[in-house]
Amino acid sequence: MALRKIVTVGDPILTKVCRPVTRFDQKLAILIEDMIETMHNANGVGLAGPQVGMLRRVFVIDVGDGILEFINPEILETAGEQNGAEGCLSFP
């Protein structure tokens, strides 16, 4: 595993559309493990592919109930709203 550089606001990669994951191989497993390690090292609760410079539809979260890995996620519905401080690692 390795720490990856977190891309911050102003980097054009954060505005691009990610490509779907089509190969579930060792390279993807390494990316996910690196993202988890990077997220924990930065004291974050979530991290997406573009935030580490990878235009892939993948993100990881850990909100206290264990790590969840999402690959090619789709938003099916939304409800409610969030109030409070922004915690995005790309907006330090």
C-alpha atoms as a PDB file:
ATOM      1  CA  MET A   1       0.000   0.000   0.000  1.00  0.00           C
ATOM      2  CA  ALA A   2       1.059   3.563  -0.605  1.00  0.00           C
ATOM      3  CA  LEU A   3      -0.105   7.033   0.241  1.00  0.00           C
ATOM      4  CA  ARG A   4      -1.352   8.950  -2.769  1.00  0.00           C
ATOM      5  CA  LYS A   5      -1.316  12.709  -3.255  1.00  0.00           C
ATOM      6  CA  ILE A   6      -4.738  14.257  -2.658  1.00  0.00           C
ATOM      7  CA  VAL A   7      -5.754  16.576  -5.503  1.00  0.00           C
ATOM      8  CA  THR A   8      -7.065  19.911  -4.244  1.00  0.00           C
ATOM      9  CA  VAL A   9      -9.501  22.543  -5.487  1.00  0.00           C
ATOM     10  CA  GLY A  10      -8.420  24.208  -8.719  1.00  0.00           C
ATOM     11  CA  ASP A  11      -7.088  21.032 -10.325  1.00  0.00           C
ATOM     12  CA  PRO A  12      -9.075  20.375 -13.536  1.00  0.00           C
ATOM     13  CA  ILE A  13      -9.301  16.627 -12.844  1.00  0.00           C
ATOM     14  CA  LEU A  14     -11.927  17.380 -10.201  1.00  0.00           C
ATOM     15  CA  THR A  15     -14.301  18.681 -12.893  1.00  0.00           C
ATOM     16  CA  LYS A  16     -13.975  15.787 -15.337  1.00  0.00           C
ATOM     17  CA  VAL A  17     -16.340  12.850 -15.813  1.00  0.00           C
ATOM     18  CA  CYS A  18     -14.972   9.564 -14.521  1.00  0.00           C
ATOM     19  CA  ARG A  19     -14.833   6.403 -16.597  1.00  0.00           C
ATOM     20  CA  PRO A  20     -16.619   3.276 -15.374  1.00  0.00           C
ATOM     21  CA  VAL A  21     -14.543   0.464 -13.953  1.00  0.00           C
ATOM     22  CA  THR A  22     -14.536  -2.483 -16.355  1.00  0.00           C
ATOM     23  CA  ARG A  23     -11.623  -4.556 -15.031  1.00  0.00           C
ATOM     24  CA  PHE A  24     -11.783  -5.952 -11.529  1.00  0.00           C
ATOM     25  CA  ASP A  25      -8.147  -6.896 -11.176  1.00  0.00           C
ATOM     26  CA  GLN A  26      -5.104  -6.482  -8.926  1.00  0.00           C
ATOM     27  CA  LYS A  27      -4.568  -2.932 -10.196  1.00  0.00           C
ATOM     28  CA  LEU A  28      -8.042  -1.948  -8.927  1.00  0.00           C
ATOM     29  CA  ALA A  29      -7.416  -3.691  -5.597  1.00  0.00           C
ATOM     30  CA  ILE A  30      -4.174  -1.735  -5.153  1.00  0.00           C
ATOM     31  CA  LEU A  31      -5.943   1.548  -5.989  1.00  0.00           C
ATOM     32  CA  ILE A  32      -8.644   0.864  -3.400  1.00  0.00           C
ATOM     33  CA  GLU A  33      -6.130  -0.111  -0.710  1.00  0.00           C
ATOM     34  CA  ASP A  34      -4.084   3.023  -1.457  1.00  0.00           C
ATOM     35  CA  MET A  35      -7.219   5.174  -1.265  1.00  0.00           C
ATOM     36  CA  ILE A  36      -8.163   3.697   2.113  1.00  0.00           C
ATOM     37  CA  GLU A  37      -4.672   4.275   3.491  1.00  0.00           C
ATOM     38  CA  THR A  38      -4.587   7.833   2.092  1.00  0.00           C
ATOM     39  CA  MET A  39      -8.040   8.629   3.503  1.00  0.00           C
ATOM     40  CA  HIS A  40      -7.143   7.368   6.981  1.00  0.00           C
ATOM     41  CA  ASN A  41      -3.778   9.149   6.929  1.00  0.00           C
ATOM     42  CA  ALA A  42      -5.576  12.445   6.142  1.00  0.00           C
ATOM     43  CA  ASN A  43      -8.186  11.792   8.885  1.00  0.00           C
ATOM     44  CA  GLY A  44     -10.929  11.722   6.259  1.00  0.00           C
ATOM     45  CA  VAL A  45     -14.141   9.714   6.078  1.00  0.00           C
ATOM     46  CA  GLY A  46     -14.352   9.396   2.299  1.00  0.00           C
ATOM     47  CA  LEU A  47     -12.196   9.598  -0.812  1.00  0.00           C
ATOM     48  CA  ALA A  48     -13.003   9.277  -4.523  1.00  0.00           C
ATOM     49  CA  GLY A  49     -10.867   8.291  -7.497  1.00  0.00           C
ATOM     50  CA  PRO A  50     -10.458  11.808  -8.921  1.00  0.00           C
ATOM     51  CA  GLN A  51      -9.249  13.034  -5.539  1.00  0.00           C
ATOM     52  CA  VAL A  52      -6.147  10.870  -6.002  1.00  0.00           C
ATOM     53  CA  GLY A  53      -5.799  11.646  -9.697  1.00  0.00           C
ATOM     54  CA  MET A  54      -7.643   8.608 -11.064  1.00  0.00           C
ATOM     55  CA  LEU A  55     -10.649   9.183 -13.334  1.00  0.00           C
ATOM     56  CA  ARG A  56     -12.400   6.000 -12.265  1.00  0.00           C
ATOM     57  CA  ARG A  57     -15.888   5.594 -10.759  1.00  0.00           C
ATOM     58  CA  VAL A  58     -14.738   4.388  -7.368  1.00  0.00           C
ATOM     59  CA  PHE A  59     -14.833   5.762  -3.844  1.00  0.00           C
ATOM     60  CA  VAL A  60     -14.273   4.540  -0.307  1.00  0.00           C
ATOM     61  CA  ILE A  61     -15.833   5.670   2.967  1.00  0.00           C
ATOM     62  CA  ASP A  62     -15.360   4.900   6.642  1.00  0.00           C
ATOM     63  CA  VAL A  63     -17.915   6.631   8.859  1.00  0.00           C
ATOM     64  CA  GLY A  64     -17.198   4.481  11.885  1.00  0.00           C
ATOM     65  CA  ASP A  65     -18.965   1.270  10.895  1.00  0.00           C
ATOM     66  CA  GLY A  66     -16.084  -0.114   8.836  1.00  0.00           C
ATOM     67  CA  ILE A  67     -14.784   0.581   5.372  1.00  0.00           C
ATOM     68  CA  LEU A  68     -17.176   0.512   2.433  1.00  0.00           C
ATOM     69  CA  GLU A  69     -15.936   0.361  -1.167  1.00  0.00           C
ATOM     70  CA  PHE A  70     -18.114   1.616  -4.017  1.00  0.00           C
ATOM     71  CA  ILE A  71     -17.387   0.741  -7.642  1.00  0.00           C
ATOM     72  CA  ASN A  72     -19.504   2.219 -10.455  1.00  0.00           C
ATOM     73  CA  PRO A  73     -22.063   3.630  -7.993  1.00  0.00           C
ATOM     74  CA  GLU A  74     -25.348   5.118  -9.161  1.00  0.00           C
ATOM     75  CA  ILE A  75     -27.518   7.612  -7.276  1.00  0.00           C
ATOM     76  CA  LEU A  76     -31.038   6.209  -7.380  1.00  0.00           C
ATOM     77  CA  GLU A  77     -32.765   8.728  -5.131  1.00  0.00           C
ATOM     78  CA  THR A  78     -32.001  11.552  -2.727  1.00  0.00           C
ATOM     79  CA  ALA A  79     -33.661  12.932   0.360  1.00  0.00           C
ATOM     80  CA  GLY A  80     -32.921  15.371   3.152  1.00  0.00           C
ATOM     81  CA  GLU A  81     -30.139  17.870   3.417  1.00  0.00           C
ATOM     82  CA  GLN A  82     -26.849  18.292   5.188  1.00  0.00           C
ATOM     83  CA  ASN A  83     -25.885  21.185   7.411  1.00  0.00           C
ATOM     84  CA  GLY A  84     -22.486  21.752   8.918  1.00  0.00           C
ATOM     85  CA  ALA A  85     -18.867  22.137   7.983  1.00  0.00           C
ATOM     86  CA  GLU A  86     -17.569  20.752   4.696  1.00  0.00           C
ATOM     87  CA  GLY A  87     -15.196  17.856   5.218  1.00  0.00           C
ATOM     88  CA  CYS A  88     -13.972  17.236   1.667  1.00  0.00           C
ATOM     89  CA  LEU A  89     -10.240  16.462   1.619  1.00  0.00           C
ATOM     90  CA  SER A  90      -9.909  18.283  -1.718  1.00  0.00           C
ATOM     91  CA  PHE A  91     -11.011  21.540  -0.056  1.00  0.00           C
ATOM     92  CA  PRO A  92      -8.478  21.947   2.776  1.00  0.00           C
END
